[in-house]
């Protein structure tokens, strides 16, 4: 019985580490000079560098629904898939925020693309507005007299 508990705890630890790697990989691909959202394809390529078989690693994090609370997924006007972190995800890794005032225009473009659609994704609009507010709170007073 003790081995089952140990095995279960070990599986949860490995799962948590896998998920943290997933979140860190997304964050490493966010913000200036990169786009404000990470290309899903690029994230999957980065995940291939880990020792676990890439497909198993990729499926374990992309299929798991825990991510729903921590990431947003978006398809741009050209049909490319992107990922970004919600604010809740930063506390699960190390709290480092990837965006700066250099990202404002690109985030505003995401809002423009999304609001031009017939079926606007309110989650994406909310995500983008949250990022703009966070950037303003971090950098808004710089340069003002």
Protein backbone atom coordinates (compact mmCIF):
# COMPACT_ATOMS: atom_id res chain seq x y z
CA UNK A 1 0.00 0.00 0.00
CA UNK A 2 2.85 2.39 0.83
CA UNK A 3 4.37 1.82 -2.62
CA UNK A 4 1.11 2.88 -4.30
CA UNK A 5 1.13 6.15 -2.40
CA UNK A 6 4.78 6.70 -3.24
CA UNK A 7 4.15 5.88 -6.90
CA UNK A 8 1.15 8.24 -6.95
CA UNK A 9 3.16 11.01 -5.34
CA UNK A 10 5.99 10.48 -7.80
CA UNK A 11 3.55 10.62 -10.73
CA UNK A 12 2.09 13.91 -9.42
CA UNK A 13 5.58 15.37 -8.99
CA UNK A 14 6.56 14.39 -12.54
CA UNK A 15 3.24 15.76 -13.80
CA UNK A 16 3.79 19.05 -11.97
CA UNK A 17 7.32 19.40 -13.36
CA UNK A 18 6.06 18.59 -16.86
CA UNK A 19 3.38 21.22 -16.54
CA UNK A 20 5.87 23.81 -15.24
CA UNK A 21 8.15 23.06 -18.22
CA UNK A 22 5.15 23.61 -20.49
CA UNK A 23 4.34 26.98 -18.88
CA UNK A 24 7.99 28.10 -18.89
CA UNK A 25 8.32 27.12 -22.55
CA UNK A 26 5.35 29.27 -23.46
CA UNK A 27 6.68 32.18 -21.37
CA UNK A 28 10.11 31.91 -23.00
CA UNK A 29 8.42 32.49 -26.36
CA UNK A 30 6.42 35.56 -25.30
CA UNK A 31 7.05 39.27 -25.44
CA UNK A 32 9.38 41.59 -27.26
CA UNK A 33 11.29 40.88 -29.42
CA UNK A 34 8.96 37.91 -29.96
CA UNK A 35 5.21 38.22 -30.56
CA UNK A 36 2.94 38.59 -27.52
CA UNK A 37 1.60 35.08 -28.07
CA UNK A 38 3.72 32.00 -28.71
CA UNK A 39 3.12 30.00 -31.86
CA UNK A 40 1.73 26.64 -30.77
CA UNK A 41 4.00 24.99 -33.33
CA UNK A 42 7.09 26.68 -31.83
CA UNK A 43 6.13 25.57 -28.33
CA UNK A 44 5.78 21.98 -29.51
CA UNK A 45 9.21 22.15 -31.20
CA UNK A 46 10.78 23.51 -28.00
CA UNK A 47 9.21 20.71 -25.99
CA UNK A 48 10.96 18.20 -28.26
CA UNK A 49 14.26 19.09 -26.58
CA UNK A 50 13.24 17.29 -23.40
CA UNK A 51 14.20 13.67 -22.84
CA UNK A 52 10.67 12.31 -22.72
CA UNK A 53 9.34 11.28 -26.12
CA UNK A 54 8.15 14.52 -27.71
CA UNK A 55 4.72 13.26 -28.71
CA UNK A 56 3.99 11.88 -25.23
CA UNK A 57 5.22 15.08 -23.60
CA UNK A 58 3.25 17.26 -25.99
CA UNK A 59 0.07 15.24 -25.56
CA UNK A 60 0.39 15.11 -21.77
CA UNK A 61 0.28 18.89 -21.50
CA UNK A 62 -1.90 19.86 -24.45
CA UNK A 63 -4.55 17.27 -23.76
CA UNK A 64 -4.66 17.94 -20.01
CA UNK A 65 -7.36 20.41 -19.10
CA UNK A 66 -5.53 21.86 -16.08
CA UNK A 67 -4.05 24.28 -18.61
CA UNK A 68 -7.48 25.86 -19.15
CA UNK A 69 -6.96 27.99 -16.04
CA UNK A 70 -3.46 29.07 -17.06
CA UNK A 71 -3.33 29.54 -20.82
CA UNK A 72 -5.34 31.02 -23.64
CA UNK A 73 -5.34 29.64 -27.15
CA UNK A 74 -5.96 31.87 -30.15
CA UNK A 75 -6.07 31.47 -33.93
CA UNK A 76 -5.00 34.54 -35.90
CA UNK A 77 -6.54 35.80 -39.15
CA UNK A 78 -4.19 33.55 -41.15
CA UNK A 79 -5.23 30.41 -39.26
CA UNK A 80 -2.08 30.07 -37.15
CA UNK A 81 -2.51 28.80 -33.58
CA UNK A 82 -1.00 30.68 -30.64
CA UNK A 83 -0.71 30.25 -26.87
CA UNK A 84 -0.24 32.75 -24.06
CA UNK A 85 -0.24 32.63 -20.30
CA UNK A 86 -2.99 33.95 -18.09
CA UNK A 87 -1.92 35.86 -14.99
CA UNK A 88 -2.51 32.77 -12.80
CA UNK A 89 0.30 30.91 -14.58
CA UNK A 90 3.08 33.29 -13.56
CA UNK A 91 2.70 32.37 -9.89
CA UNK A 92 3.08 28.68 -10.78
CA UNK A 93 6.46 29.22 -12.36
CA UNK A 94 8.42 32.16 -10.98
CA UNK A 95 6.36 35.30 -11.39
CA UNK A 96 8.51 36.82 -14.14
CA UNK A 97 6.28 38.85 -16.44
CA UNK A 98 7.42 38.78 -20.11
CA UNK A 99 5.80 41.91 -21.52
CA UNK A 100 6.93 45.52 -21.73
CA UNK A 101 5.69 48.69 -23.36
CA UNK A 102 7.22 47.41 -26.61
CA UNK A 103 4.42 44.81 -26.75
CA UNK A 104 1.50 47.24 -26.51
CA UNK A 105 0.94 47.67 -30.27
CA UNK A 106 1.08 43.93 -30.94
CA UNK A 107 -1.41 43.21 -28.15
CA UNK A 108 -3.70 45.95 -29.46
CA UNK A 109 -3.51 44.30 -32.92
CA UNK A 110 -4.76 41.06 -31.38
CA UNK A 111 -7.76 42.97 -30.03
CA UNK A 112 -8.38 44.53 -33.47
CA UNK A 113 -8.25 41.15 -35.23
CA UNK A 114 -10.51 39.53 -32.67
CA UNK A 115 -13.10 42.33 -32.61
CA UNK A 116 -13.32 42.26 -36.42
CA UNK A 117 -14.61 38.68 -36.32
CA UNK A 118 -18.28 37.76 -36.36
CA UNK A 119 -17.76 35.44 -33.40
CA UNK A 120 -15.50 37.44 -31.08
CA UNK A 121 -13.67 35.39 -28.45
CA UNK A 122 -14.25 37.35 -25.25
CA UNK A 123 -11.60 35.35 -23.42
CA UNK A 124 -8.93 36.65 -25.83
CA UNK A 125 -10.19 40.23 -25.50
CA UNK A 126 -10.10 39.84 -21.70
CA UNK A 127 -6.60 38.35 -21.82
CA UNK A 128 -5.33 41.21 -24.02
CA UNK A 129 -6.92 43.91 -21.86
CA UNK A 130 -5.44 42.30 -18.73
CA UNK A 131 -1.97 42.39 -20.32
CA UNK A 132 -2.37 46.05 -21.33
CA UNK A 133 -3.44 46.97 -17.79
CA UNK A 134 -0.50 45.04 -16.31
CA UNK A 135 1.95 46.75 -18.68
CA UNK A 136 0.47 50.12 -17.75
CA UNK A 137 0.78 49.34 -14.04
CA UNK A 138 4.42 48.26 -14.44
CA UNK A 139 5.63 50.89 -16.89
CA UNK A 140 2.95 53.60 -17.06
CA UNK A 141 4.68 56.10 -14.78
CA UNK A 142 8.08 55.92 -16.48
CA UNK A 143 9.02 59.05 -18.34
CA UNK A 144 6.18 61.11 -16.91
CA UNK A 145 6.94 64.26 -14.97
